[in-house]
Amino acid sequence: DNKTYIRYFLNGTTNEVIIKILDLSGEMVIELRGTTNPKTENEIVWDVTDVQSGVYYGVV
């Protein structure tokens, strides 16, 4: 299964959620758009089939 699941919780309302995935050098790998459901857990599925193994971090 070449997928990674990113979960996040929104305390309030917003018009959009953008999560930038960066590698350890700070270079952006992908920009993901997420759901904006307030007061509940949201989830983005990232298909990592063509992504090199390693450590990545997300910025909301």
N, C-alpha and C. Protein backbone atom coordinates (compact mmCIF):
# COMPACT_ATOMS: atom_id res chain seq x y z
N ASP A 1 0.85 -1.18 0.00
CA ASP A 1 0.00 0.00 0.00
C ASP A 1 0.89 1.24 0.00
N ASN A 2 0.94 1.95 -1.08
CA ASN A 2 1.80 3.11 -1.22
C ASN A 2 1.07 4.40 -0.87
N LYS A 3 0.46 4.41 0.30
CA LYS A 3 -0.28 5.59 0.74
C LYS A 3 0.11 5.96 2.15
N THR A 4 0.10 7.25 2.41
CA THR A 4 0.29 7.77 3.75
C THR A 4 -0.93 8.60 4.10
N TYR A 5 -1.37 8.46 5.34
CA TYR A 5 -2.57 9.16 5.79
C TYR A 5 -2.16 10.27 6.75
N ILE A 6 -2.59 11.48 6.44
CA ILE A 6 -2.27 12.65 7.26
C ILE A 6 -3.57 13.12 7.90
N ARG A 7 -3.61 13.09 9.22
CA ARG A 7 -4.82 13.50 9.94
C ARG A 7 -4.56 14.81 10.67
N TYR A 8 -5.60 15.63 10.72
CA TYR A 8 -5.50 16.92 11.42
C TYR A 8 -6.87 17.30 11.94
N PHE A 9 -6.88 18.15 12.95
CA PHE A 9 -8.11 18.59 13.60
C PHE A 9 -8.19 20.11 13.50
N LEU A 10 -9.35 20.61 13.12
CA LEU A 10 -9.58 22.05 13.04
C LEU A 10 -10.45 22.49 14.21
N ASN A 11 -9.97 23.46 14.99
CA ASN A 11 -10.75 23.97 16.11
C ASN A 11 -11.87 24.89 15.66
N GLY A 12 -11.68 25.55 14.53
CA GLY A 12 -12.67 26.49 14.03
C GLY A 12 -12.90 26.30 12.54
N THR A 13 -13.57 27.28 11.94
CA THR A 13 -13.87 27.18 10.51
C THR A 13 -12.77 27.86 9.69
N THR A 14 -12.62 27.39 8.47
CA THR A 14 -11.67 27.97 7.53
C THR A 14 -12.16 27.68 6.12
N ASN A 15 -11.71 28.47 5.16
CA ASN A 15 -12.13 28.28 3.78
C ASN A 15 -11.31 27.23 3.05
N GLU A 16 -10.05 27.03 3.49
CA GLU A 16 -9.22 26.02 2.84
C GLU A 16 -8.11 25.56 3.77
N VAL A 17 -7.65 24.35 3.50
CA VAL A 17 -6.52 23.77 4.22
C VAL A 17 -5.52 23.32 3.17
N ILE A 18 -4.30 23.82 3.31
CA ILE A 18 -3.21 23.43 2.42
C ILE A 18 -2.08 22.88 3.29
N ILE A 19 -1.63 21.69 2.96
CA ILE A 19 -0.51 21.09 3.67
C ILE A 19 0.62 20.92 2.68
N LYS A 20 1.73 21.59 2.97
CA LYS A 20 2.92 21.48 2.12
C LYS A 20 3.82 20.41 2.72
N ILE A 21 4.18 19.43 1.91
CA ILE A 21 5.07 18.36 2.33
C ILE A 21 6.48 18.72 1.87
N LEU A 22 7.40 18.76 2.83
CA LEU A 22 8.78 19.17 2.57
C LEU A 22 9.73 18.04 2.92
N ASP A 23 10.86 17.99 2.21
CA ASP A 23 11.90 17.03 2.59
C ASP A 23 12.79 17.69 3.64
N LEU A 24 13.78 16.98 4.12
CA LEU A 24 14.61 17.51 5.20
C LEU A 24 15.46 18.72 4.80
N SER A 25 15.66 18.92 3.50
CA SER A 25 16.41 20.10 3.05
C SER A 25 15.49 21.32 2.93
N GLY A 26 14.19 21.12 3.17
CA GLY A 26 13.23 22.22 3.10
C GLY A 26 12.60 22.40 1.73
N GLU A 27 12.91 21.51 0.82
CA GLU A 27 12.36 21.59 -0.53
C GLU A 27 10.96 20.98 -0.56
N MET A 28 10.02 21.70 -1.19
CA MET A 28 8.66 21.22 -1.24
C MET A 28 8.55 20.03 -2.19
N VAL A 29 7.91 18.97 -1.72
CA VAL A 29 7.71 17.75 -2.50
C VAL A 29 6.34 17.78 -3.17
N ILE A 30 5.33 18.20 -2.40
CA ILE A 30 3.97 18.25 -2.92
C ILE A 30 3.14 19.19 -2.04
N GLU A 31 2.11 19.74 -2.63
CA GLU A 31 1.15 20.56 -1.90
C GLU A 31 -0.20 19.84 -1.96
N LEU A 32 -0.75 19.55 -0.80
CA LEU A 32 -2.01 18.81 -0.71
C LEU A 32 -3.11 19.72 -0.19
N ARG A 33 -4.28 19.60 -0.76
CA ARG A 33 -5.45 20.36 -0.29
C ARG A 33 -6.34 19.41 0.50
N GLY A 34 -6.73 19.88 1.68
CA GLY A 34 -7.51 19.03 2.56
C GLY A 34 -8.92 19.52 2.77
N THR A 35 -9.68 18.72 3.48
CA THR A 35 -11.05 19.08 3.82
C THR A 35 -11.06 20.09 4.95
N THR A 36 -12.16 20.81 5.09
CA THR A 36 -12.24 21.91 6.06
C THR A 36 -13.35 21.69 7.09
N ASN A 37 -13.55 20.46 7.49
CA ASN A 37 -14.60 20.15 8.45
C ASN A 37 -14.18 20.56 9.86
N PRO A 38 -14.89 21.54 10.46
CA PRO A 38 -14.51 22.00 11.80
C PRO A 38 -14.93 21.02 12.90
N LYS A 39 -14.20 21.08 14.01
CA LYS A 39 -14.52 20.32 15.22
C LYS A 39 -14.54 18.81 15.02
N THR A 40 -13.79 18.34 14.04
CA THR A 40 -13.70 16.90 13.79
C THR A 40 -12.36 16.58 13.13
N GLU A 41 -12.02 15.31 13.11
CA GLU A 41 -10.77 14.89 12.48
C GLU A 41 -10.94 14.88 10.96
N ASN A 42 -9.97 15.44 10.27
CA ASN A 42 -9.92 15.45 8.81
C ASN A 42 -8.75 14.57 8.39
N GLU A 43 -8.78 14.10 7.16
CA GLU A 43 -7.72 13.22 6.69
C GLU A 43 -7.44 13.45 5.21
N ILE A 44 -6.15 13.44 4.88
CA ILE A 44 -5.70 13.50 3.49
C ILE A 44 -4.94 12.21 3.22
N VAL A 45 -5.18 11.63 2.05
CA VAL A 45 -4.44 10.44 1.63
C VAL A 45 -3.41 10.89 0.60
N TRP A 46 -2.14 10.61 0.88
CA TRP A 46 -1.04 10.98 -0.01
C TRP A 46 -0.50 9.71 -0.67
N ASP A 47 -0.59 9.66 -1.98
CA ASP A 47 -0.06 8.53 -2.75
C ASP A 47 1.44 8.73 -2.90
N VAL A 48 2.21 7.88 -2.26
CA VAL A 48 3.67 8.03 -2.24
C VAL A 48 4.37 7.04 -3.17
N THR A 49 3.66 6.56 -4.18
CA THR A 49 4.22 5.58 -5.11
C THR A 49 5.53 6.06 -5.72
N ASP A 50 5.58 7.31 -6.15
CA ASP A 50 6.77 7.83 -6.83
C ASP A 50 7.65 8.68 -5.92
N VAL A 51 7.49 8.53 -4.60
CA VAL A 51 8.26 9.33 -3.64
C VAL A 51 9.36 8.46 -3.05
N GLN A 52 10.57 9.03 -3.01
CA GLN A 52 11.71 8.31 -2.46
C GLN A 52 11.53 8.10 -0.96
N SER A 53 11.97 6.96 -0.45
CA SER A 53 11.91 6.70 0.98
C SER A 53 12.71 7.75 1.73
N GLY A 54 12.22 8.15 2.89
CA GLY A 54 12.92 9.14 3.68
C GLY A 54 12.00 9.77 4.71
N VAL A 55 12.49 10.85 5.29
CA VAL A 55 11.73 11.59 6.30
C VAL A 55 11.20 12.87 5.66
N TYR A 56 9.93 13.13 5.87
CA TYR A 56 9.27 14.31 5.33
C TYR A 56 8.46 14.96 6.45
N TYR A 57 8.22 16.24 6.32
CA TYR A 57 7.36 16.89 7.30
C TYR A 57 6.36 17.77 6.59
N GLY A 58 5.24 17.99 7.27
CA GLY A 58 4.16 18.77 6.68
C GLY A 58 3.97 20.10 7.40
N VAL A 59 3.66 21.12 6.62
CA VAL A 59 3.38 22.45 7.15
C VAL A 59 1.96 22.80 6.76
N VAL A 60 1.13 23.10 7.76
CA VAL A 60 -0.27 23.44 7.51
C VAL A 60 -0.39 24.94 7.36
